[in-house]
């Protein structure tokens, strides 16, 4: 695609952005995002912060929190009605907590028993136990950086994560070329 002198890159289809393939293009279209301009102007619905981690004994059902804990059991993978379900236990000196993720089988190789991570999510009571479902996780160094920021939460559609949306939005606001093919850079 050739951009004429003086023509804005904002009207370029999102598919021209490095990292956006056919699947992501279709997901963005469900949100009425088809051009770079629409992606840049797809604003967050709110912002979130990352609180100081607390112990497992301090968590309250329904209240978003962060917990620094060790992975106390191997992450198990099983398939339930076409869903790949990863489960495990995390623990700190005050207790243990069940964790569960859907369709993230790679976690078996990422989260190893004995490692310390910080898990962020909203505890729920389900299947007779307190648990974190689909918690975010990161190492302490990264978490300390997140604690100093406000993170945008975007309106989403099934299959498009907030993390992916943030990455795409950041690409569009960087000062370097984000496109598959060379274009004249026009700052927005």
Protein backbone atom coordinates (compact mmCIF):
# COMPACT_ATOMS: atom_id res chain seq x y z
CA UNK A 1 0.00 0.00 0.00
CA UNK A 2 1.35 3.41 -0.94
CA UNK A 3 0.62 6.50 1.11
CA UNK A 4 0.64 9.73 -0.93
CA UNK A 5 2.48 12.74 0.43
CA UNK A 6 0.33 14.48 3.01
CA UNK A 7 -2.07 11.52 3.26
CA UNK A 8 -2.61 10.31 6.81
CA UNK A 9 -1.71 6.80 7.93
CA UNK A 10 -4.74 6.81 10.19
CA UNK A 11 -7.03 5.56 7.40
CA UNK A 12 -4.86 2.51 6.75
CA UNK A 13 -6.51 -0.86 7.51
CA UNK A 14 -5.42 -2.42 10.81
CA UNK A 15 -4.29 -5.51 8.89
CA UNK A 16 -1.26 -3.50 7.73
CA UNK A 17 0.02 -3.30 11.33
CA UNK A 18 2.77 -5.79 12.15
CA UNK A 19 1.28 -8.47 14.38
CA UNK A 20 -2.28 -8.26 13.08
CA UNK A 21 -3.30 -11.27 11.04
CA UNK A 22 -6.63 -12.37 9.67
CA UNK A 23 -7.89 -13.67 13.03
CA UNK A 24 -7.10 -10.48 14.97
CA UNK A 25 -8.46 -8.36 12.12
CA UNK A 26 -11.82 -10.18 12.38
CA UNK A 27 -11.89 -9.79 16.17
CA UNK A 28 -11.21 -6.05 15.88
CA UNK A 29 -13.95 -5.77 13.23
CA UNK A 30 -16.44 -7.08 15.83
CA UNK A 31 -15.57 -3.93 17.81
CA UNK A 32 -16.00 -1.76 14.67
CA UNK A 33 -12.23 -1.26 14.45
CA UNK A 34 -11.06 -1.49 10.86
CA UNK A 35 -8.53 1.34 10.53
CA UNK A 36 -5.56 2.62 12.50
CA UNK A 37 -7.60 5.74 13.34
CA UNK A 38 -10.39 3.63 14.84
CA UNK A 39 -7.87 1.62 16.88
CA UNK A 40 -6.14 4.77 18.17
CA UNK A 41 -9.53 6.22 19.15
CA UNK A 42 -10.85 3.06 20.80
CA UNK A 43 -10.62 4.36 24.34
CA UNK A 44 -10.47 2.31 27.55
CA UNK A 45 -13.73 1.88 29.46
CA UNK A 46 -11.79 2.32 32.71
CA UNK A 47 -8.35 2.00 34.27
CA UNK A 48 -7.07 -0.36 36.91
CA UNK A 49 -4.23 -0.30 39.38
CA UNK A 50 -2.19 -3.09 40.92
CA UNK A 51 -2.49 -3.14 44.72
CA UNK A 52 0.17 -4.05 47.25
CA UNK A 53 0.17 -7.89 47.49
CA UNK A 54 -1.61 -9.39 50.50
CA UNK A 55 -1.45 -12.84 52.12
CA UNK A 56 -3.89 -15.60 51.19
CA UNK A 57 -5.48 -15.38 54.66
CA UNK A 58 -6.41 -11.72 54.00
CA UNK A 59 -8.31 -12.19 50.73
CA UNK A 60 -12.02 -11.44 50.52
CA UNK A 61 -14.42 -13.06 48.06
CA UNK A 62 -15.33 -10.70 45.23
CA UNK A 63 -12.61 -8.13 46.01
CA UNK A 64 -9.79 -7.85 43.45
CA UNK A 65 -6.39 -8.43 45.04
CA UNK A 66 -2.82 -9.51 44.42
CA UNK A 67 -1.10 -12.35 46.21
CA UNK A 68 2.60 -13.19 46.21
CA UNK A 69 2.78 -16.95 46.51
CA UNK A 70 4.69 -20.06 45.60
CA UNK A 71 3.29 -22.62 43.20
CA UNK A 72 2.58 -25.48 45.62
CA UNK A 73 1.58 -28.17 43.10
CA UNK A 74 2.33 -28.92 39.48
CA UNK A 75 -0.05 -27.22 37.05
CA UNK A 76 -2.40 -29.94 35.83
CA UNK A 77 -4.00 -29.92 32.38
CA UNK A 78 -7.26 -31.64 31.49
CA UNK A 79 -9.83 -31.22 28.75
CA UNK A 80 -13.45 -30.56 29.72
CA UNK A 81 -15.99 -30.11 26.89
CA UNK A 82 -13.45 -28.75 24.40
CA UNK A 83 -11.89 -26.47 27.06
CA UNK A 84 -8.31 -27.00 28.14
CA UNK A 85 -8.35 -26.48 31.89
CA UNK A 86 -5.14 -25.72 33.86
CA UNK A 87 -5.40 -26.03 37.62
CA UNK A 88 -3.04 -25.85 40.57
CA UNK A 89 -2.44 -24.68 44.11
CA UNK A 90 -0.54 -21.63 45.26
CA UNK A 91 0.58 -21.09 48.84
CA UNK A 92 2.14 -18.59 51.19
CA UNK A 93 2.85 -18.84 54.92
CA UNK A 94 -0.83 -18.14 55.72
CA UNK A 95 -2.52 -20.76 53.54
CA UNK A 96 -3.26 -22.22 50.11
CA UNK A 97 -5.47 -21.12 47.22
CA UNK A 98 -6.76 -22.99 44.17
CA UNK A 99 -6.05 -21.37 40.78
CA UNK A 100 -7.65 -22.16 37.41
CA UNK A 101 -7.14 -20.97 33.83
CA UNK A 102 -9.11 -21.81 30.70
CA UNK A 103 -7.49 -22.51 27.30
CA UNK A 104 -3.96 -21.66 28.41
CA UNK A 105 -2.19 -25.07 28.19
CA UNK A 106 1.24 -23.42 27.87
CA UNK A 107 1.02 -22.53 31.59
CA UNK A 108 2.08 -26.11 32.41
CA UNK A 109 5.51 -25.19 31.05
CA UNK A 110 5.53 -21.59 32.32
CA UNK A 111 4.48 -21.94 35.96
CA UNK A 112 6.71 -24.44 37.75
CA UNK A 113 6.20 -25.89 41.22
CA UNK A 114 8.34 -24.07 43.78
CA UNK A 115 8.53 -20.77 41.85
CA UNK A 116 7.22 -17.51 43.34
CA UNK A 117 4.82 -15.35 41.32
CA UNK A 118 2.36 -12.58 42.01
CA UNK A 119 -1.21 -13.47 41.05
CA UNK A 120 -3.87 -10.80 40.55
CA UNK A 121 -7.58 -11.46 40.26
CA UNK A 122 -10.91 -11.54 42.01
CA UNK A 123 -11.33 -14.49 44.39
CA UNK A 124 -14.59 -16.41 44.02
CA UNK A 125 -16.20 -19.27 45.89
CA UNK A 126 -16.89 -22.05 43.38
CA UNK A 127 -17.12 -25.83 43.44
CA UNK A 128 -16.93 -25.78 47.25
CA UNK A 129 -13.69 -23.82 47.49
CA UNK A 130 -12.17 -20.37 47.29
CA UNK A 131 -10.21 -19.83 44.06
CA UNK A 132 -8.77 -17.42 41.57
CA UNK A 133 -10.08 -18.00 38.07
CA UNK A 134 -8.02 -16.71 35.15
CA UNK A 135 -5.67 -14.64 37.36
CA UNK A 136 -2.98 -12.47 35.85
CA UNK A 137 0.50 -13.53 36.92
CA UNK A 138 3.96 -11.98 36.78
CA UNK A 139 7.29 -11.96 38.56
CA UNK A 140 7.90 -9.48 41.40
CA UNK A 141 10.15 -7.13 39.37
CA UNK A 142 7.50 -6.67 36.68
CA UNK A 143 4.77 -6.31 39.30
CA UNK A 144 6.62 -3.50 41.07
CA UNK A 145 6.62 -1.60 37.74
CA UNK A 146 2.88 -2.26 37.26
CA UNK A 147 2.11 -0.92 40.74
CA UNK A 148 3.28 2.51 39.60
CA UNK A 149 0.89 2.69 36.62
CA UNK A 150 -2.75 2.93 35.66
CA UNK A 151 -3.51 0.13 33.18
CA UNK A 152 -6.28 0.65 30.62
CA UNK A 153 -9.19 -1.80 30.44
CA UNK A 154 -10.68 -1.86 26.94
CA UNK A 155 -14.10 -2.99 25.75
CA UNK A 156 -13.36 -6.44 24.32
CA UNK A 157 -14.82 -9.31 22.36
CA UNK A 158 -14.32 -13.05 22.89
CA UNK A 159 -10.86 -14.04 21.71
CA UNK A 160 -9.25 -10.62 22.12
CA UNK A 161 -7.46 -10.08 25.42
CA UNK A 162 -6.93 -6.75 27.11
CA UNK A 163 -3.17 -7.41 26.96
CA UNK A 164 -3.28 -7.85 23.16
CA UNK A 165 -5.42 -4.71 22.76
CA UNK A 166 -2.95 -2.70 24.90
CA UNK A 167 -0.03 -3.96 22.79
CA UNK A 168 -1.75 -2.97 19.54
CA UNK A 169 -2.72 0.44 20.89
CA UNK A 170 0.86 1.07 22.05
CA UNK A 171 2.20 0.09 18.62
CA UNK A 172 -0.04 2.72 17.04
CA UNK A 173 1.23 5.47 19.32
CA UNK A 174 4.96 4.66 19.13
CA UNK A 175 7.20 6.96 17.14
CA UNK A 176 8.56 4.21 14.89
CA UNK A 177 6.95 2.56 11.89
CA UNK A 178 4.38 -0.05 12.85
CA UNK A 179 3.49 -1.21 9.37
CA UNK A 180 4.44 -4.30 7.40
CA UNK A 181 5.54 -2.14 4.43
CA UNK A 182 7.47 1.14 4.52
CA UNK A 183 5.35 4.26 4.79
CA UNK A 184 6.05 7.92 5.35
CA UNK A 185 5.72 8.39 9.11
CA UNK A 186 3.08 10.91 10.12
CA UNK A 187 2.93 11.58 13.84
CA UNK A 188 -0.48 11.75 15.49
